[in-house]
Amino acid sequence: MADIEIRHVSKIFGHDAKKALAMARDGLDKAEILARSGCSVGLNDVSLKIGAGKIFVIMGLSGSGKSTLVRHINRLIEPTSGEVLFDGNNILDLDAKTLRAFRMRRVSMVSKALP
């Protein structure tokens, strides 16, 4: 079992992610950022900690960033900013070989939409 911690993770989709991230930090909403930069905000400054052996639910409306958040835990998506820690180690520092082993042995993802 491992602790999972997400620290100040933001994910911006688009070509000018740095500009859009600065707008998000300035308090602009998703629609305004999209209109000004052409970028979409997937996550904005998300922090959470999941204790080892705990059950944790991520729920929300369609398009609220649930899948985007979970995909950061197994590094299928790279954050624009922030850290993703697994047992205190930042998985963003893993090389390709170590990342493959991490995905095979330490973390997995199951996604199920409810009817």
N, C-alpha and C. Protein backbone atom coordinates (compact mmCIF):
# COMPACT_ATOMS: atom_id res chain seq x y z
N MET A 1 0.84 -1.19 0.00
CA MET A 1 0.00 0.00 0.00
C MET A 1 0.88 1.25 0.00
N ALA A 2 0.33 2.31 -0.56
CA ALA A 2 1.11 3.55 -0.68
C ALA A 2 0.23 4.76 -0.49
N ASP A 3 0.82 5.80 0.02
CA ASP A 3 0.15 7.10 0.05
C ASP A 3 0.28 7.72 -1.34
N ILE A 4 -0.79 8.35 -1.78
CA ILE A 4 -0.77 9.10 -3.03
C ILE A 4 -1.05 10.55 -2.66
N GLU A 5 -0.21 11.45 -3.15
CA GLU A 5 -0.42 12.87 -2.88
C GLU A 5 -0.29 13.66 -4.17
N ILE A 6 -1.24 14.52 -4.38
CA ILE A 6 -1.24 15.42 -5.52
C ILE A 6 -1.08 16.82 -4.96
N ARG A 7 -0.06 17.52 -5.42
CA ARG A 7 0.24 18.86 -4.90
C ARG A 7 0.16 19.91 -6.01
N HIS A 8 -0.83 20.76 -5.89
CA HIS A 8 -0.98 21.93 -6.76
C HIS A 8 -0.89 21.58 -8.25
N VAL A 9 -1.57 20.53 -8.64
CA VAL A 9 -1.54 20.08 -10.04
C VAL A 9 -2.53 20.89 -10.88
N SER A 10 -2.03 21.39 -11.98
CA SER A 10 -2.84 22.04 -12.99
C SER A 10 -2.54 21.38 -14.32
N LYS A 11 -3.57 21.26 -15.15
CA LYS A 11 -3.40 20.73 -16.50
C LYS A 11 -4.14 21.63 -17.46
N ILE A 12 -3.39 22.19 -18.40
CA ILE A 12 -3.93 23.04 -19.44
C ILE A 12 -3.70 22.33 -20.77
N PHE A 13 -4.77 22.16 -21.55
CA PHE A 13 -4.66 21.56 -22.87
C PHE A 13 -4.64 22.68 -23.91
N GLY A 14 -3.63 22.64 -24.78
CA GLY A 14 -3.54 23.64 -25.84
C GLY A 14 -2.10 24.07 -26.07
N HIS A 15 -1.92 24.93 -27.06
CA HIS A 15 -0.58 25.32 -27.49
C HIS A 15 0.08 26.38 -26.63
N ASP A 16 -0.69 27.15 -25.90
CA ASP A 16 -0.11 28.22 -25.08
C ASP A 16 -0.44 28.00 -23.61
N ALA A 17 -0.05 26.82 -23.11
CA ALA A 17 -0.41 26.40 -21.75
C ALA A 17 0.13 27.35 -20.68
N LYS A 18 1.33 27.88 -20.87
CA LYS A 18 1.91 28.78 -19.87
C LYS A 18 1.08 30.05 -19.73
N LYS A 19 0.66 30.60 -20.86
CA LYS A 19 -0.17 31.81 -20.83
C LYS A 19 -1.50 31.51 -20.15
N ALA A 20 -2.12 30.38 -20.51
CA ALA A 20 -3.41 30.01 -19.92
C ALA A 20 -3.27 29.73 -18.43
N LEU A 21 -2.17 29.09 -18.03
CA LEU A 21 -1.95 28.82 -16.61
C LEU A 21 -1.82 30.13 -15.82
N ALA A 22 -1.15 31.10 -16.38
CA ALA A 22 -1.03 32.41 -15.72
C ALA A 22 -2.41 33.05 -15.57
N MET A 23 -3.26 32.92 -16.59
CA MET A 23 -4.62 33.46 -16.50
C MET A 23 -5.41 32.75 -15.41
N ALA A 24 -5.28 31.44 -15.31
CA ALA A 24 -5.98 30.68 -14.26
C ALA A 24 -5.52 31.14 -12.88
N ARG A 25 -4.23 31.35 -12.74
CA ARG A 25 -3.69 31.81 -11.45
C ARG A 25 -4.15 33.23 -11.13
N ASP A 26 -4.47 34.00 -12.16
CA ASP A 26 -5.01 35.35 -11.96
C ASP A 26 -6.50 35.35 -11.67
N GLY A 27 -7.12 34.16 -11.70
CA GLY A 27 -8.53 34.04 -11.32
C GLY A 27 -9.52 34.05 -12.47
N LEU A 28 -9.06 34.03 -13.73
CA LEU A 28 -10.00 33.99 -14.84
C LEU A 28 -10.68 32.63 -14.88
N ASP A 29 -11.93 32.59 -15.33
CA ASP A 29 -12.64 31.31 -15.40
C ASP A 29 -12.31 30.57 -16.70
N LYS A 30 -12.75 29.30 -16.77
CA LYS A 30 -12.41 28.44 -17.90
C LYS A 30 -12.84 29.04 -19.24
N ALA A 31 -14.04 29.60 -19.30
CA ALA A 31 -14.56 30.15 -20.55
C ALA A 31 -13.71 31.33 -21.02
N GLU A 32 -13.33 32.20 -20.09
CA GLU A 32 -12.50 33.37 -20.43
C GLU A 32 -11.12 32.93 -20.91
N ILE A 33 -10.54 31.93 -20.25
CA ILE A 33 -9.22 31.43 -20.65
C ILE A 33 -9.29 30.83 -22.06
N LEU A 34 -10.34 30.05 -22.31
CA LEU A 34 -10.51 29.46 -23.64
C LEU A 34 -10.66 30.54 -24.71
N ALA A 35 -11.46 31.56 -24.43
CA ALA A 35 -11.69 32.64 -25.39
C ALA A 35 -10.41 33.42 -25.68
N ARG A 36 -9.60 33.67 -24.65
CA ARG A 36 -8.39 34.49 -24.82
C ARG A 36 -7.19 33.72 -25.35
N SER A 37 -7.08 32.42 -24.99
CA SER A 37 -5.86 31.68 -25.32
C SER A 37 -6.08 30.50 -26.25
N GLY A 38 -7.33 30.06 -26.38
CA GLY A 38 -7.60 28.85 -27.15
C GLY A 38 -7.26 27.59 -26.40
N CYS A 39 -6.94 27.73 -25.12
CA CYS A 39 -6.57 26.58 -24.27
C CYS A 39 -7.72 26.21 -23.36
N SER A 40 -7.78 24.94 -23.03
CA SER A 40 -8.82 24.43 -22.14
C SER A 40 -8.20 24.03 -20.80
N VAL A 41 -8.83 24.47 -19.72
CA VAL A 41 -8.36 24.13 -18.38
C VAL A 41 -8.95 22.79 -17.98
N GLY A 42 -8.08 21.80 -17.79
CA GLY A 42 -8.52 20.48 -17.34
C GLY A 42 -8.55 20.38 -15.83
N LEU A 43 -7.52 20.91 -15.19
CA LEU A 43 -7.40 20.96 -13.73
C LEU A 43 -6.76 22.28 -13.35
N ASN A 44 -7.16 22.81 -12.21
CA ASN A 44 -6.59 24.08 -11.76
C ASN A 44 -6.25 23.99 -10.28
N ASP A 45 -4.97 23.83 -9.97
CA ASP A 45 -4.43 23.86 -8.61
C ASP A 45 -5.12 22.84 -7.69
N VAL A 46 -5.08 21.57 -8.11
CA VAL A 46 -5.69 20.49 -7.32
C VAL A 46 -4.66 19.92 -6.36
N SER A 47 -5.04 19.80 -5.09
CA SER A 47 -4.21 19.16 -4.08
C SER A 47 -5.07 18.20 -3.28
N LEU A 48 -4.54 17.01 -3.03
CA LEU A 48 -5.24 16.03 -2.21
C LEU A 48 -4.25 14.97 -1.76
N LYS A 49 -4.64 14.24 -0.72
CA LYS A 49 -3.83 13.14 -0.23
C LYS A 49 -4.74 11.96 0.02
N ILE A 50 -4.32 10.79 -0.49
CA ILE A 50 -5.05 9.55 -0.29
C ILE A 50 -4.14 8.65 0.54
N GLY A 51 -4.58 8.32 1.74
CA GLY A 51 -3.78 7.48 2.62
C GLY A 51 -3.71 6.05 2.13
N ALA A 52 -2.62 5.38 2.46
CA ALA A 52 -2.43 3.98 2.09
C ALA A 52 -3.59 3.14 2.61
N GLY A 53 -4.14 2.30 1.74
CA GLY A 53 -5.22 1.40 2.13
C GLY A 53 -6.59 2.04 2.24
N LYS A 54 -6.70 3.30 1.91
CA LYS A 54 -7.97 4.02 2.01
C LYS A 54 -8.74 3.93 0.69
N ILE A 55 -10.05 3.98 0.79
CA ILE A 55 -10.91 4.07 -0.38
C ILE A 55 -11.22 5.53 -0.60
N PHE A 56 -11.05 5.98 -1.84
CA PHE A 56 -11.21 7.39 -2.17
C PHE A 56 -12.04 7.48 -3.43
N VAL A 57 -13.03 8.32 -3.44
CA VAL A 57 -13.92 8.47 -4.59
C VAL A 57 -13.73 9.85 -5.20
N ILE A 58 -13.60 9.87 -6.51
CA ILE A 58 -13.56 11.13 -7.25
C ILE A 58 -14.84 11.17 -8.07
N MET A 59 -15.70 12.13 -7.75
CA MET A 59 -16.97 12.21 -8.47
C MET A 59 -17.27 13.65 -8.83
N GLY A 60 -18.03 13.82 -9.88
CA GLY A 60 -18.40 15.15 -10.32
C GLY A 60 -19.13 15.08 -11.63
N LEU A 61 -19.52 16.23 -12.10
CA LEU A 61 -20.25 16.33 -13.36
C LEU A 61 -19.36 15.96 -14.55
N SER A 62 -19.99 15.62 -15.65
CA SER A 62 -19.27 15.35 -16.88
C SER A 62 -18.43 16.58 -17.25
N GLY A 63 -17.17 16.33 -17.57
CA GLY A 63 -16.28 17.43 -17.96
C GLY A 63 -15.63 18.17 -16.82
N SER A 64 -15.80 17.67 -15.59
CA SER A 64 -15.25 18.39 -14.44
C SER A 64 -13.79 18.06 -14.14
N GLY A 65 -13.20 17.08 -14.85
CA GLY A 65 -11.78 16.79 -14.67
C GLY A 65 -11.47 15.50 -13.93
N LYS A 66 -12.46 14.67 -13.66
CA LYS A 66 -12.24 13.43 -12.90
C LYS A 66 -11.22 12.51 -13.59
N SER A 67 -11.46 12.20 -14.84
CA SER A 67 -10.56 11.30 -15.57
C SER A 67 -9.19 11.93 -15.76
N THR A 68 -9.17 13.21 -16.02
CA THR A 68 -7.89 13.92 -16.16
C THR A 68 -7.08 13.80 -14.88
N LEU A 69 -7.73 13.97 -13.74
CA LEU A 69 -7.03 13.85 -12.46
C LEU A 69 -6.49 12.45 -12.25
N VAL A 70 -7.30 11.44 -12.46
CA VAL A 70 -6.87 10.06 -12.24
C VAL A 70 -5.73 9.69 -13.18
N ARG A 71 -5.76 10.17 -14.39
CA ARG A 71 -4.70 9.86 -15.35
C ARG A 71 -3.35 10.48 -14.96
N HIS A 72 -3.37 11.45 -14.07
CA HIS A 72 -2.11 11.98 -13.56
C HIS A 72 -1.47 11.01 -12.57
N ILE A 73 -2.28 10.25 -11.86
CA ILE A 73 -1.75 9.33 -10.84
C ILE A 73 -0.92 8.22 -11.49
N ASN A 74 -1.30 7.77 -12.67
CA ASN A 74 -0.49 6.76 -13.36
C ASN A 74 0.35 7.37 -14.50
N ARG A 75 0.35 8.66 -14.55
CA ARG A 75 1.15 9.47 -15.48
C ARG A 75 0.83 9.19 -16.94
N LEU A 76 -0.42 8.90 -17.22
CA LEU A 76 -0.87 8.84 -18.60
C LEU A 76 -1.01 10.25 -19.16
N ILE A 77 -1.17 11.22 -18.25
CA ILE A 77 -1.18 12.64 -18.60
C ILE A 77 -0.13 13.34 -17.75
N GLU A 78 0.65 14.19 -18.37
CA GLU A 78 1.66 14.98 -17.66
C GLU A 78 1.02 16.31 -17.22
N PRO A 79 1.22 16.71 -15.98
CA PRO A 79 0.65 17.99 -15.55
C PRO A 79 1.38 19.17 -16.17
N THR A 80 0.67 20.27 -16.30
CA THR A 80 1.30 21.51 -16.72
C THR A 80 2.15 22.06 -15.57
N SER A 81 1.65 21.86 -14.35
CA SER A 81 2.41 22.25 -13.16
C SER A 81 2.00 21.37 -12.00
N GLY A 82 2.84 21.31 -10.99
CA GLY A 82 2.54 20.55 -9.78
C GLY A 82 3.34 19.27 -9.65
N GLU A 83 3.01 18.50 -8.62
CA GLU A 83 3.70 17.26 -8.31
C GLU A 83 2.70 16.15 -8.06
N VAL A 84 3.10 14.92 -8.41
CA VAL A 84 2.31 13.72 -8.11
C VAL A 84 3.24 12.77 -7.37
N LEU A 85 2.93 12.53 -6.10
CA LEU A 85 3.80 11.70 -5.27
C LEU A 85 3.15 10.37 -4.94
N PHE A 86 3.94 9.34 -4.98
CA PHE A 86 3.52 7.99 -4.64
C PHE A 86 4.54 7.49 -3.64
N ASP A 87 4.11 7.26 -2.41
CA ASP A 87 5.03 6.91 -1.31
C ASP A 87 6.14 7.95 -1.14
N GLY A 88 5.80 9.21 -1.34
CA GLY A 88 6.75 10.30 -1.15
C GLY A 88 7.66 10.58 -2.32
N ASN A 89 7.59 9.76 -3.38
CA ASN A 89 8.44 9.95 -4.55
C ASN A 89 7.63 10.59 -5.68
N ASN A 90 8.19 11.62 -6.27
CA ASN A 90 7.51 12.31 -7.37
C ASN A 90 7.60 11.45 -8.62
N ILE A 91 6.46 10.92 -9.08
CA ILE A 91 6.48 10.03 -10.25
C ILE A 91 6.81 10.77 -11.54
N LEU A 92 6.80 12.08 -11.50
CA LEU A 92 7.18 12.86 -12.68
C LEU A 92 8.67 12.74 -12.96
N ASP A 93 9.42 12.26 -11.97
CA ASP A 93 10.87 12.08 -12.13
C ASP A 93 11.23 10.71 -12.69
N LEU A 94 10.27 9.80 -12.87
CA LEU A 94 10.57 8.45 -13.33
C LEU A 94 10.94 8.43 -14.81
N ASP A 95 11.98 7.67 -15.14
CA ASP A 95 12.32 7.48 -16.55
C ASP A 95 11.36 6.46 -17.17
N ALA A 96 11.44 6.26 -18.47
CA ALA A 96 10.48 5.41 -19.19
C ALA A 96 10.44 3.98 -18.64
N LYS A 97 11.60 3.40 -18.40
CA LYS A 97 11.67 2.01 -17.90
C LYS A 97 11.06 1.89 -16.51
N THR A 98 11.42 2.80 -15.63
CA THR A 98 10.90 2.78 -14.27
C THR A 98 9.40 3.08 -14.26
N LEU A 99 8.95 3.96 -15.14
CA LEU A 99 7.52 4.27 -15.24
C LEU A 99 6.73 3.04 -15.68
N ARG A 100 7.26 2.28 -16.65
CA ARG A 100 6.58 1.05 -17.07
C ARG A 100 6.44 0.08 -15.91
N ALA A 101 7.51 -0.10 -15.15
CA ALA A 101 7.47 -1.01 -14.00
C ALA A 101 6.48 -0.49 -12.94
N PHE A 102 6.46 0.80 -12.72
CA PHE A 102 5.52 1.41 -11.78
C PHE A 102 4.08 1.12 -12.18
N ARG A 103 3.78 1.29 -13.46
CA ARG A 103 2.42 1.03 -13.95
C ARG A 103 2.06 -0.45 -13.87
N MET A 104 3.02 -1.32 -14.09
CA MET A 104 2.74 -2.76 -14.06
C MET A 104 2.57 -3.29 -12.64
N ARG A 105 3.30 -2.72 -11.68
CA ARG A 105 3.35 -3.32 -10.35
C ARG A 105 2.71 -2.50 -9.23
N ARG A 106 2.55 -1.19 -9.43
CA ARG A 106 2.15 -0.36 -8.30
C ARG A 106 0.81 0.34 -8.44
N VAL A 107 0.38 0.66 -9.66
CA VAL A 107 -0.83 1.45 -9.83
C VAL A 107 -1.59 0.99 -11.06
N SER A 108 -2.91 1.04 -10.98
CA SER A 108 -3.75 0.72 -12.13
C SER A 108 -4.98 1.60 -12.08
N MET A 109 -5.76 1.53 -13.15
CA MET A 109 -6.93 2.40 -13.24
C MET A 109 -8.08 1.63 -13.86
N VAL A 110 -9.24 1.73 -13.24
CA VAL A 110 -10.46 1.15 -13.80
C VAL A 110 -11.48 2.28 -13.88
N SER A 111 -12.08 2.44 -15.04
CA SER A 111 -13.06 3.50 -15.22
C SER A 111 -14.37 2.86 -15.63
N LYS A 112 -15.44 3.21 -14.95
CA LYS A 112 -16.74 2.64 -15.22
C LYS A 112 -17.78 3.74 -15.13
N ALA A 113 -18.47 3.96 -16.21
CA ALA A 113 -19.57 4.93 -16.20
C ALA A 113 -20.82 4.24 -15.70
N LEU A 114 -21.54 4.90 -14.84
CA LEU A 114 -22.79 4.37 -14.33
C LEU A 114 -23.93 4.70 -15.29
N PRO A 115 -24.89 3.78 -15.43
CA PRO A 115 -26.01 4.06 -16.37
C PRO A 115 -26.90 5.19 -15.89
